[in-house]
Amino acid sequence: GFLLQRDSGGPWTVAAVDPDGPAVKARLLVGDVVVKWNGGEPPRYAQRWLGQQKPGDVLHLRVKREEKELSLDITLGEAREKFYQVAE
């Protein structure tokens, strides 16, 4: 997993990368700016798009990092949620 953020109307920027997830294995780094998403413009609601994909699907990203552009392929994993319960 990874988390994206953007200022109003600005580009998507990687805000966090799960250290155990497939994005880090694809070399995605915090601060990378998403230029292309599967060959086109990044979706308006990237997190919603990601939630609609299946584990094993591949996301092709073109990112800008330190004035260079890189192509990264991320094999999507399962979305996991942690639930906590307090009991006496």
C-alpha atoms as a PDB file:
ATOM      1  CA  GLY A   1       0.000   0.000   0.000  1.00  0.00           C
ATOM      2  CA  PHE A   2       0.654   3.621  -0.416  1.00  0.00           C
ATOM      3  CA  LEU A   3      -1.158   6.849   0.325  1.00  0.00           C
ATOM      4  CA  LEU A   4      -1.529   9.755  -2.076  1.00  0.00           C
ATOM      5  CA  GLN A   5      -2.284  13.389  -1.359  1.00  0.00           C
ATOM      6  CA  ARG A   6      -2.697  16.520  -3.417  1.00  0.00           C
ATOM      7  CA  ASP A   7      -3.345  20.172  -2.941  1.00  0.00           C
ATOM      8  CA  SER A   8      -6.430  21.530  -4.666  1.00  0.00           C
ATOM      9  CA  GLY A   9      -5.933  20.956  -8.371  1.00  0.00           C
ATOM     10  CA  GLY A  10      -2.277  19.978  -7.974  1.00  0.00           C
ATOM     11  CA  PRO A  11      -0.566  16.709  -8.836  1.00  0.00           C
ATOM     12  CA  TRP A  12      -0.848  13.544  -6.757  1.00  0.00           C
ATOM     13  CA  THR A  13       2.135  13.118  -4.458  1.00  0.00           C
ATOM     14  CA  VAL A  14       3.046   9.958  -2.547  1.00  0.00           C
ATOM     15  CA  ALA A  15       2.517  10.754   1.160  1.00  0.00           C
ATOM     16  CA  ALA A  16       3.257   7.316   2.658  1.00  0.00           C
ATOM     17  CA  VAL A  17       4.442   3.879   1.558  1.00  0.00           C
ATOM     18  CA  ASP A  18       3.797   0.688   3.545  1.00  0.00           C
ATOM     19  CA  PRO A  19       7.277  -0.702   4.301  1.00  0.00           C
ATOM     20  CA  ASP A  20       5.989  -4.281   3.867  1.00  0.00           C
ATOM     21  CA  GLY A  21       3.827  -3.701   0.792  1.00  0.00           C
ATOM     22  CA  PRO A  22       4.233  -4.124  -2.944  1.00  0.00           C
ATOM     23  CA  ALA A  23       4.717  -0.388  -3.583  1.00  0.00           C
ATOM     24  CA  VAL A  24       8.015  -0.334  -1.707  1.00  0.00           C
ATOM     25  CA  LYS A  25       9.132  -3.411  -3.663  1.00  0.00           C
ATOM     26  CA  ALA A  26       8.390  -1.450  -6.869  1.00  0.00           C
ATOM     27  CA  ARG A  27      10.662   1.355  -5.527  1.00  0.00           C
ATOM     28  CA  LEU A  28       7.895   3.911  -4.937  1.00  0.00           C
ATOM     29  CA  LEU A  29       9.088   6.595  -2.501  1.00  0.00           C
ATOM     30  CA  VAL A  30       7.448   9.270  -0.379  1.00  0.00           C
ATOM     31  CA  GLY A  31       7.583  12.516  -2.331  1.00  0.00           C
ATOM     32  CA  ASP A  32       7.249  10.921  -5.782  1.00  0.00           C
ATOM     33  CA  VAL A  33       4.879  12.923  -8.004  1.00  0.00           C
ATOM     34  CA  VAL A  34       2.497  10.858 -10.157  1.00  0.00           C
ATOM     35  CA  VAL A  35       2.750  11.934 -13.804  1.00  0.00           C
ATOM     36  CA  LYS A  36       0.873   9.069 -15.524  1.00  0.00           C
ATOM     37  CA  TRP A  37      -1.482   6.390 -14.182  1.00  0.00           C
ATOM     38  CA  ASN A  38      -1.835   3.310 -16.420  1.00  0.00           C
ATOM     39  CA  GLY A  39      -0.743   5.448 -19.384  1.00  0.00           C
ATOM     40  CA  GLY A  40      -3.235   8.248 -18.786  1.00  0.00           C
ATOM     41  CA  GLU A  41      -4.121  10.949 -16.335  1.00  0.00           C
ATOM     42  CA  PRO A  42      -4.314   9.961 -12.669  1.00  0.00           C
ATOM     43  CA  PRO A  43      -7.918   9.395 -11.549  1.00  0.00           C
ATOM     44  CA  ARG A  44      -9.641  12.161  -9.654  1.00  0.00           C
ATOM     45  CA  TYR A  45     -10.296   9.808  -6.725  1.00  0.00           C
ATOM     46  CA  ALA A  46      -7.204   7.604  -6.669  1.00  0.00           C
ATOM     47  CA  GLN A  47      -7.974   5.823  -3.386  1.00  0.00           C
ATOM     48  CA  ARG A  48     -11.458   4.887  -4.643  1.00  0.00           C
ATOM     49  CA  TRP A  49      -9.932   3.577  -7.891  1.00  0.00           C
ATOM     50  CA  LEU A  50      -7.455   1.464  -5.936  1.00  0.00           C
ATOM     51  CA  GLY A  51     -10.267   0.056  -3.811  1.00  0.00           C
ATOM     52  CA  GLN A  52     -12.063  -1.176  -6.932  1.00  0.00           C
ATOM     53  CA  GLN A  53      -9.118  -3.243  -8.179  1.00  0.00           C
ATOM     54  CA  LYS A  54      -8.407  -6.920  -7.517  1.00  0.00           C
ATOM     55  CA  PRO A  55      -5.330  -8.339  -5.804  1.00  0.00           C
ATOM     56  CA  GLY A  56      -2.800  -9.187  -8.496  1.00  0.00           C
ATOM     57  CA  ASP A  57      -3.807  -6.350 -10.844  1.00  0.00           C
ATOM     58  CA  VAL A  58      -0.839  -4.254 -11.960  1.00  0.00           C
ATOM     59  CA  LEU A  59      -0.745  -0.474 -11.691  1.00  0.00           C
ATOM     60  CA  HIS A  60       1.656   1.185 -14.135  1.00  0.00           C
ATOM     61  CA  LEU A  61       2.867   4.503 -12.746  1.00  0.00           C
ATOM     62  CA  ARG A  62       5.108   7.142 -14.263  1.00  0.00           C
ATOM     63  CA  VAL A  63       6.512   9.268 -11.442  1.00  0.00           C
ATOM     64  CA  LYS A  64       8.761  12.293 -11.226  1.00  0.00           C
ATOM     65  CA  ARG A  65      11.569  12.115  -8.689  1.00  0.00           C
ATOM     66  CA  GLU A  66      14.362  14.680  -8.426  1.00  0.00           C
ATOM     67  CA  GLU A  67      13.789  16.009 -11.970  1.00  0.00           C
ATOM     68  CA  LYS A  68      13.834  12.460 -13.439  1.00  0.00           C
ATOM     69  CA  GLU A  69      10.867  10.409 -14.600  1.00  0.00           C
ATOM     70  CA  LEU A  70      10.661   6.725 -13.729  1.00  0.00           C
ATOM     71  CA  SER A  71       8.262   3.946 -14.761  1.00  0.00           C
ATOM     72  CA  LEU A  72       7.111   1.702 -11.910  1.00  0.00           C
ATOM     73  CA  ASP A  73       4.852  -1.366 -12.002  1.00  0.00           C
ATOM     74  CA  ILE A  74       3.064  -2.154  -8.750  1.00  0.00           C
ATOM     75  CA  THR A  75       1.290  -5.473  -8.308  1.00  0.00           C
ATOM     76  CA  LEU A  76      -1.662  -4.645  -6.105  1.00  0.00           C
ATOM     77  CA  GLY A  77      -2.197  -6.638  -2.942  1.00  0.00           C
ATOM     78  CA  GLU A  78      -5.185  -7.043  -0.676  1.00  0.00           C
ATOM     79  CA  ALA A  79      -6.566  -4.111   1.251  1.00  0.00           C
ATOM     80  CA  ARG A  80      -6.302  -4.828   4.954  1.00  0.00           C
ATOM     81  CA  GLU A  81      -7.991  -3.074   7.790  1.00  0.00           C
ATOM     82  CA  LYS A  82      -7.141  -3.398  11.452  1.00  0.00           C
ATOM     83  CA  PHE A  83      -9.910  -3.463  14.000  1.00  0.00           C
ATOM     84  CA  TYR A  84      -9.320  -3.089  17.698  1.00  0.00           C
ATOM     85  CA  GLN A  85     -11.638  -4.004  20.494  1.00  0.00           C
ATOM     86  CA  VAL A  86     -11.422  -3.014  24.111  1.00  0.00           C
ATOM     87  CA  ALA A  87     -12.772  -5.588  26.506  1.00  0.00           C
ATOM     88  CA  GLU A  88     -12.842  -5.875  30.258  1.00  0.00           C
END
